[in-house]
């Protein structure tokens, strides 16, 4: 690996990019389930019962974490583009991941 790929901000970029790809893979399944509400309500009721399993609740935590990481990482990138360049970018990247854990952890505790 090249030297710049060991930098913490490169890992923040990579996490933002991978979370965006993971969310893009999730969206077709999400829209399919939304359409199922309109076209097959009984099938959706079965799916809704399936989502009560603990493993699915944990997967929901992962999904909310991806959403939060993507949101906070995007806010960090917007700040990079439009605000003056501070010397504390590593701290901002770590704060964005901490904020994502806070949001997704609160969701997980509420879901359980």
C-alpha atoms as a PDB file:
ATOM      1  CA  UNK A   1       0.000   0.000   0.000  1.00  0.00           C
ATOM      2  CA  UNK A   2       1.109   3.500  -0.678  1.00  0.00           C
ATOM      3  CA  UNK A   3       1.887   5.807   2.229  1.00  0.00           C
ATOM      4  CA  UNK A   4      -1.209   7.970   1.866  1.00  0.00           C
ATOM      5  CA  UNK A   5      -3.425   4.922   2.302  1.00  0.00           C
ATOM      6  CA  UNK A   6      -2.256   4.571   5.883  1.00  0.00           C
ATOM      7  CA  UNK A   7      -3.596   8.015   6.754  1.00  0.00           C
ATOM      8  CA  UNK A   8      -6.708   8.092   9.009  1.00  0.00           C
ATOM      9  CA  UNK A   9      -8.529  10.448   6.646  1.00  0.00           C
ATOM     10  CA  UNK A  10      -8.118   7.953   3.821  1.00  0.00           C
ATOM     11  CA  UNK A  11      -9.809   5.366   6.041  1.00  0.00           C
ATOM     12  CA  UNK A  12     -12.611   7.891   6.670  1.00  0.00           C
ATOM     13  CA  UNK A  13     -13.014   8.300   2.909  1.00  0.00           C
ATOM     14  CA  UNK A  14     -13.037   4.535   2.429  1.00  0.00           C
ATOM     15  CA  UNK A  15     -15.647   4.044   5.162  1.00  0.00           C
ATOM     16  CA  UNK A  16     -17.835   6.736   3.587  1.00  0.00           C
ATOM     17  CA  UNK A  17     -17.510   5.131   0.146  1.00  0.00           C
ATOM     18  CA  UNK A  18     -18.177   1.574   1.369  1.00  0.00           C
ATOM     19  CA  UNK A  19     -21.172   2.660   3.441  1.00  0.00           C
ATOM     20  CA  UNK A  20     -22.596   4.363   0.346  1.00  0.00           C
ATOM     21  CA  UNK A  21     -22.155   1.181  -1.683  1.00  0.00           C
ATOM     22  CA  UNK A  22     -23.765  -0.897   1.069  1.00  0.00           C
ATOM     23  CA  UNK A  23     -26.734   1.444   1.199  1.00  0.00           C
ATOM     24  CA  UNK A  24     -27.033   1.362  -2.601  1.00  0.00           C
ATOM     25  CA  UNK A  25     -27.232  -2.436  -2.428  1.00  0.00           C
ATOM     26  CA  UNK A  26     -29.893  -2.240   0.278  1.00  0.00           C
ATOM     27  CA  UNK A  27     -32.192   0.231  -1.501  1.00  0.00           C
ATOM     28  CA  UNK A  28     -33.700  -2.213  -4.076  1.00  0.00           C
ATOM     29  CA  UNK A  29     -34.728  -4.590  -1.267  1.00  0.00           C
ATOM     30  CA  UNK A  30     -36.155  -1.648   0.674  1.00  0.00           C
ATOM     31  CA  UNK A  31     -38.247  -0.471  -2.276  1.00  0.00           C
ATOM     32  CA  UNK A  32     -39.376  -4.035  -2.948  1.00  0.00           C
ATOM     33  CA  UNK A  33     -40.652  -4.321   0.633  1.00  0.00           C
ATOM     34  CA  UNK A  34     -42.399  -0.953   0.326  1.00  0.00           C
ATOM     35  CA  UNK A  35     -44.138  -2.118  -2.843  1.00  0.00           C
ATOM     36  CA  UNK A  36     -45.125  -5.330  -1.068  1.00  0.00           C
ATOM     37  CA  UNK A  37     -47.207  -3.251   1.361  1.00  0.00           C
ATOM     38  CA  UNK A  38     -49.352  -2.145  -1.575  1.00  0.00           C
ATOM     39  CA  UNK A  39     -49.418  -5.336  -3.640  1.00  0.00           C
ATOM     40  CA  UNK A  40     -49.227  -8.199  -1.105  1.00  0.00           C
ATOM     41  CA  UNK A  41     -50.170  -7.092   2.437  1.00  0.00           C
ATOM     42  CA  UNK A  42     -50.309 -10.679   3.760  1.00  0.00           C
ATOM     43  CA  UNK A  43     -46.785 -11.373   2.530  1.00  0.00           C
ATOM     44  CA  UNK A  44     -45.596  -8.167   4.117  1.00  0.00           C
ATOM     45  CA  UNK A  45     -47.178  -9.189   7.435  1.00  0.00           C
ATOM     46  CA  UNK A  46     -45.097 -12.368   7.342  1.00  0.00           C
ATOM     47  CA  UNK A  47     -41.997 -10.322   6.645  1.00  0.00           C
ATOM     48  CA  UNK A  48     -42.842  -7.960   9.498  1.00  0.00           C
ATOM     49  CA  UNK A  49     -43.037 -10.916  11.894  1.00  0.00           C
ATOM     50  CA  UNK A  50     -39.652 -12.122  10.639  1.00  0.00           C
ATOM     51  CA  UNK A  51     -38.081  -8.777  11.556  1.00  0.00           C
ATOM     52  CA  UNK A  52     -38.752  -9.430  15.257  1.00  0.00           C
ATOM     53  CA  UNK A  53     -35.862 -11.940  15.420  1.00  0.00           C
ATOM     54  CA  UNK A  54     -32.779 -10.759  17.360  1.00  0.00           C
ATOM     55  CA  UNK A  55     -30.418 -11.354  14.427  1.00  0.00           C
ATOM     56  CA  UNK A  56     -32.536  -9.107  12.216  1.00  0.00           C
ATOM     57  CA  UNK A  57     -32.553  -6.442  14.938  1.00  0.00           C
ATOM     58  CA  UNK A  58     -28.756  -6.593  14.973  1.00  0.00           C
ATOM     59  CA  UNK A  59     -28.704  -6.288  11.163  1.00  0.00           C
ATOM     60  CA  UNK A  60     -30.928  -3.218  11.489  1.00  0.00           C
ATOM     61  CA  UNK A  61     -28.308  -1.782  13.841  1.00  0.00           C
ATOM     62  CA  UNK A  62     -25.728  -2.345  11.105  1.00  0.00           C
ATOM     63  CA  UNK A  63     -27.935  -0.631   8.555  1.00  0.00           C
ATOM     64  CA  UNK A  64     -28.508   2.383  10.791  1.00  0.00           C
ATOM     65  CA  UNK A  65     -24.760   2.486  11.463  1.00  0.00           C
ATOM     66  CA  UNK A  66     -24.116   2.570   7.700  1.00  0.00           C
ATOM     67  CA  UNK A  67     -26.638   5.376   7.327  1.00  0.00           C
ATOM     68  CA  UNK A  68     -25.102   7.361  10.178  1.00  0.00           C
ATOM     69  CA  UNK A  69     -21.527   6.814   8.953  1.00  0.00           C
ATOM     70  CA  UNK A  70     -22.523   7.930   5.482  1.00  0.00           C
ATOM     71  CA  UNK A  71     -24.343  10.995   6.834  1.00  0.00           C
ATOM     72  CA  UNK A  72     -21.589  12.116   9.198  1.00  0.00           C
ATOM     73  CA  UNK A  73     -18.866  11.297   6.680  1.00  0.00           C
ATOM     74  CA  UNK A  74     -20.703  13.340   4.070  1.00  0.00           C
ATOM     75  CA  UNK A  75     -21.013  16.252   6.475  1.00  0.00           C
ATOM     76  CA  UNK A  76     -17.276  16.013   7.109  1.00  0.00           C
ATOM     77  CA  UNK A  77     -16.621  16.085   3.364  1.00  0.00           C
ATOM     78  CA  UNK A  78     -18.894  19.082   2.931  1.00  0.00           C
ATOM     79  CA  UNK A  79     -17.004  20.850   5.686  1.00  0.00           C
ATOM     80  CA  UNK A  80     -13.770  19.981   3.884  1.00  0.00           C
ATOM     81  CA  UNK A  81     -15.065  21.585   0.688  1.00  0.00           C
ATOM     82  CA  UNK A  82     -16.670  24.723   2.024  1.00  0.00           C
ATOM     83  CA  UNK A  83     -14.920  25.626   5.274  1.00  0.00           C
ATOM     84  CA  UNK A  84     -11.318  26.689   5.894  1.00  0.00           C
ATOM     85  CA  UNK A  85      -8.844  23.827   6.248  1.00  0.00           C
ATOM     86  CA  UNK A  86      -8.384  23.096   9.968  1.00  0.00           C
ATOM     87  CA  UNK A  87      -5.517  21.064  11.334  1.00  0.00           C
ATOM     88  CA  UNK A  88      -7.896  18.814  13.272  1.00  0.00           C
ATOM     89  CA  UNK A  89      -9.354  16.773  10.398  1.00  0.00           C
ATOM     90  CA  UNK A  90      -8.403  13.491  12.089  1.00  0.00           C
ATOM     91  CA  UNK A  91     -10.412  14.568  15.119  1.00  0.00           C
ATOM     92  CA  UNK A  92     -13.390  15.446  12.931  1.00  0.00           C
ATOM     93  CA  UNK A  93     -13.200  12.058  11.207  1.00  0.00           C
ATOM     94  CA  UNK A  94     -13.094  10.272  14.575  1.00  0.00           C
ATOM     95  CA  UNK A  95     -15.992  12.416  15.814  1.00  0.00           C
ATOM     96  CA  UNK A  96     -18.075  11.486  12.781  1.00  0.00           C
ATOM     97  CA  UNK A  97     -17.576   7.778  13.494  1.00  0.00           C
ATOM     98  CA  UNK A  98     -18.331   8.329  17.181  1.00  0.00           C
ATOM     99  CA  UNK A  99     -21.516  10.174  16.231  1.00  0.00           C
ATOM    100  CA  UNK A 100     -22.503   7.294  13.967  1.00  0.00           C
ATOM    101  CA  UNK A 101     -22.020   4.819  16.819  1.00  0.00           C
ATOM    102  CA  UNK A 102     -24.078   7.049  19.097  1.00  0.00           C
ATOM    103  CA  UNK A 103     -26.984   7.281  16.659  1.00  0.00           C
ATOM    104  CA  UNK A 104     -26.971   3.598  15.709  1.00  0.00           C
ATOM    105  CA  UNK A 105     -26.504   2.492  19.328  1.00  0.00           C
ATOM    106  CA  UNK A 106     -29.482   4.580  20.417  1.00  0.00           C
ATOM    107  CA  UNK A 107     -31.531   2.977  17.629  1.00  0.00           C
ATOM    108  CA  UNK A 108     -30.383  -0.489  18.670  1.00  0.00           C
ATOM    109  CA  UNK A 109     -31.268   0.083  22.328  1.00  0.00           C
ATOM    110  CA  UNK A 110     -34.670   1.370  21.276  1.00  0.00           C
ATOM    111  CA  UNK A 111     -35.243  -1.623  18.950  1.00  0.00           C
ATOM    112  CA  UNK A 112     -34.370  -4.254  21.569  1.00  0.00           C
END
